[in-house]
Structure formats: C-alpha cells, structure tokens
Amino acid sequence: MADSANRGTVRSQYIDEKGQKAIESYDKLDSDGKLAFLYYVYEKMGNS
C-alpha cells in the first residue's frame, strides 16, 4: 500500500466508509490528541 500511496492512489480505495470516518476524526485532532489516541491504542494492544 505504501508504494501505491507514492503513486497518488487515494486511500479511500482501500478503506470502508467507517474507516474513512475514523481517519477524518483522527485528522481533526491536534498533536496532543493524536498522541493520546495512539497511546490508548498502544495500551489496548498490550491487553490483548
């Protein structure tokens, strides 16, 4: 997928509508919000 991103492929071709909405919400966060979200995901991954 990284290679296709370099060629200008739109990510919406790979992600469903629910995923696109999640990405749009993430994109609206400021730096601290993004870091907090990523830390939350990191913590949850450790619990699985």
N, C-alpha and C. Protein backbone atom coordinates (compact mmCIF):
# COMPACT_ATOMS: atom_id res chain seq x y z
N MET A 1 0.82 -1.19 0.00
CA MET A 1 0.00 0.00 0.00
C MET A 1 0.87 1.26 0.00
N ALA A 2 2.00 1.24 0.66
CA ALA A 2 2.87 2.41 0.69
C ALA A 2 3.33 2.77 -0.71
N ASP A 3 3.62 1.76 -1.51
CA ASP A 3 4.05 2.01 -2.88
C ASP A 3 2.94 2.70 -3.67
N SER A 4 1.71 2.25 -3.51
CA SER A 4 0.60 2.86 -4.24
C SER A 4 0.35 4.29 -3.75
N ALA A 5 0.64 4.56 -2.47
CA ALA A 5 0.48 5.92 -1.96
C ALA A 5 1.45 6.86 -2.65
N ASN A 6 2.63 6.36 -2.97
CA ASN A 6 3.61 7.17 -3.67
C ASN A 6 3.16 7.51 -5.08
N ARG A 7 2.30 6.70 -5.65
CA ARG A 7 1.80 6.94 -7.00
C ARG A 7 0.50 7.74 -6.99
N GLY A 8 0.07 8.22 -5.83
CA GLY A 8 -1.11 9.06 -5.76
C GLY A 8 -2.42 8.32 -5.65
N THR A 9 -2.41 7.04 -5.30
CA THR A 9 -3.65 6.29 -5.14
C THR A 9 -4.40 6.81 -3.92
N VAL A 10 -5.68 7.03 -4.07
CA VAL A 10 -6.50 7.55 -2.98
C VAL A 10 -6.73 6.44 -1.96
N ARG A 11 -6.53 6.76 -0.68
CA ARG A 11 -6.66 5.74 0.35
C ARG A 11 -8.08 5.23 0.49
N SER A 12 -9.07 5.96 0.02
CA SER A 12 -10.46 5.51 0.12
C SER A 12 -10.71 4.25 -0.69
N GLN A 13 -9.82 3.92 -1.60
CA GLN A 13 -9.97 2.69 -2.37
C GLN A 13 -9.72 1.47 -1.49
N TYR A 14 -9.04 1.63 -0.39
CA TYR A 14 -8.66 0.53 0.48
C TYR A 14 -9.47 0.46 1.77
N ILE A 15 -10.14 1.55 2.14
CA ILE A 15 -10.78 1.65 3.44
C ILE A 15 -12.28 1.87 3.28
N ASP A 16 -13.06 1.14 4.08
CA ASP A 16 -14.51 1.29 4.00
C ASP A 16 -14.95 2.62 4.63
N GLU A 17 -16.23 2.92 4.54
CA GLU A 17 -16.76 4.21 4.99
C GLU A 17 -16.52 4.44 6.49
N LYS A 18 -16.70 3.40 7.29
CA LYS A 18 -16.48 3.53 8.73
C LYS A 18 -15.02 3.87 9.03
N GLY A 19 -14.11 3.24 8.32
CA GLY A 19 -12.69 3.52 8.49
C GLY A 19 -12.34 4.93 8.04
N GLN A 20 -12.95 5.37 6.95
CA GLN A 20 -12.70 6.73 6.46
C GLN A 20 -13.15 7.76 7.48
N LYS A 21 -14.31 7.53 8.12
CA LYS A 21 -14.80 8.46 9.13
C LYS A 21 -13.85 8.51 10.33
N ALA A 22 -13.32 7.36 10.71
CA ALA A 22 -12.37 7.31 11.82
C ALA A 22 -11.11 8.11 11.48
N ILE A 23 -10.62 7.96 10.26
CA ILE A 23 -9.43 8.69 9.83
C ILE A 23 -9.70 10.19 9.78
N GLU A 24 -10.87 10.58 9.29
CA GLU A 24 -11.21 12.00 9.25
C GLU A 24 -11.26 12.58 10.66
N SER A 25 -11.81 11.82 11.61
CA SER A 25 -11.86 12.29 13.00
C SER A 25 -10.45 12.42 13.56
N TYR A 26 -9.60 11.45 13.28
CA TYR A 26 -8.21 11.48 13.74
C TYR A 26 -7.48 12.68 13.15
N ASP A 27 -7.70 12.94 11.86
CA ASP A 27 -7.03 14.05 11.19
C ASP A 27 -7.39 15.40 11.81
N LYS A 28 -8.56 15.50 12.43
CA LYS A 28 -9.00 16.76 13.03
C LYS A 28 -8.38 17.02 14.40
N LEU A 29 -7.79 15.99 15.00
CA LEU A 29 -7.18 16.15 16.32
C LEU A 29 -5.90 16.98 16.24
N ASP A 30 -5.60 17.68 17.34
CA ASP A 30 -4.32 18.37 17.41
C ASP A 30 -3.24 17.35 17.78
N SER A 31 -2.01 17.79 17.87
CA SER A 31 -0.90 16.87 18.14
C SER A 31 -1.07 16.11 19.44
N ASP A 32 -1.49 16.80 20.50
CA ASP A 32 -1.67 16.13 21.78
C ASP A 32 -2.78 15.09 21.71
N GLY A 33 -3.85 15.41 21.00
CA GLY A 33 -4.95 14.47 20.84
C GLY A 33 -4.53 13.23 20.07
N LYS A 34 -3.73 13.43 19.03
CA LYS A 34 -3.24 12.29 18.25
C LYS A 34 -2.33 11.41 19.10
N LEU A 35 -1.45 12.02 19.87
CA LEU A 35 -0.56 11.24 20.73
C LEU A 35 -1.36 10.47 21.78
N ALA A 36 -2.37 11.11 22.36
CA ALA A 36 -3.20 10.44 23.36
C ALA A 36 -3.93 9.25 22.74
N PHE A 37 -4.45 9.43 21.55
CA PHE A 37 -5.15 8.34 20.86
C PHE A 37 -4.19 7.18 20.58
N LEU A 38 -3.03 7.49 20.05
CA LEU A 38 -2.07 6.43 19.74
C LEU A 38 -1.60 5.70 20.99
N TYR A 39 -1.45 6.44 22.09
CA TYR A 39 -1.08 5.79 23.35
C TYR A 39 -2.20 4.87 23.83
N TYR A 40 -3.44 5.30 23.68
CA TYR A 40 -4.59 4.47 24.05
C TYR A 40 -4.59 3.18 23.24
N VAL A 41 -4.37 3.28 21.95
CA VAL A 41 -4.33 2.09 21.09
C VAL A 41 -3.18 1.18 21.52
N TYR A 42 -2.03 1.77 21.80
CA TYR A 42 -0.86 1.01 22.25
C TYR A 42 -1.18 0.24 23.53
N GLU A 43 -1.82 0.91 24.49
CA GLU A 43 -2.19 0.26 25.74
C GLU A 43 -3.17 -0.88 25.50
N LYS A 44 -4.15 -0.68 24.64
CA LYS A 44 -5.15 -1.72 24.35
C LYS A 44 -4.50 -2.91 23.65
N MET A 45 -3.52 -2.66 22.81
CA MET A 45 -2.83 -3.76 22.13
C MET A 45 -2.09 -4.63 23.15
N GLY A 46 -1.60 -4.02 24.20
CA GLY A 46 -0.91 -4.77 25.23
C GLY A 46 -1.85 -5.64 26.05
N ASN A 47 -3.12 -5.27 26.09
CA ASN A 47 -4.11 -6.02 26.85
C ASN A 47 -4.68 -7.19 26.08
N SER A 48 -4.36 -7.29 24.81
CA SER A 48 -4.97 -8.36 24.02
C SER A 48 -4.14 -9.62 24.00
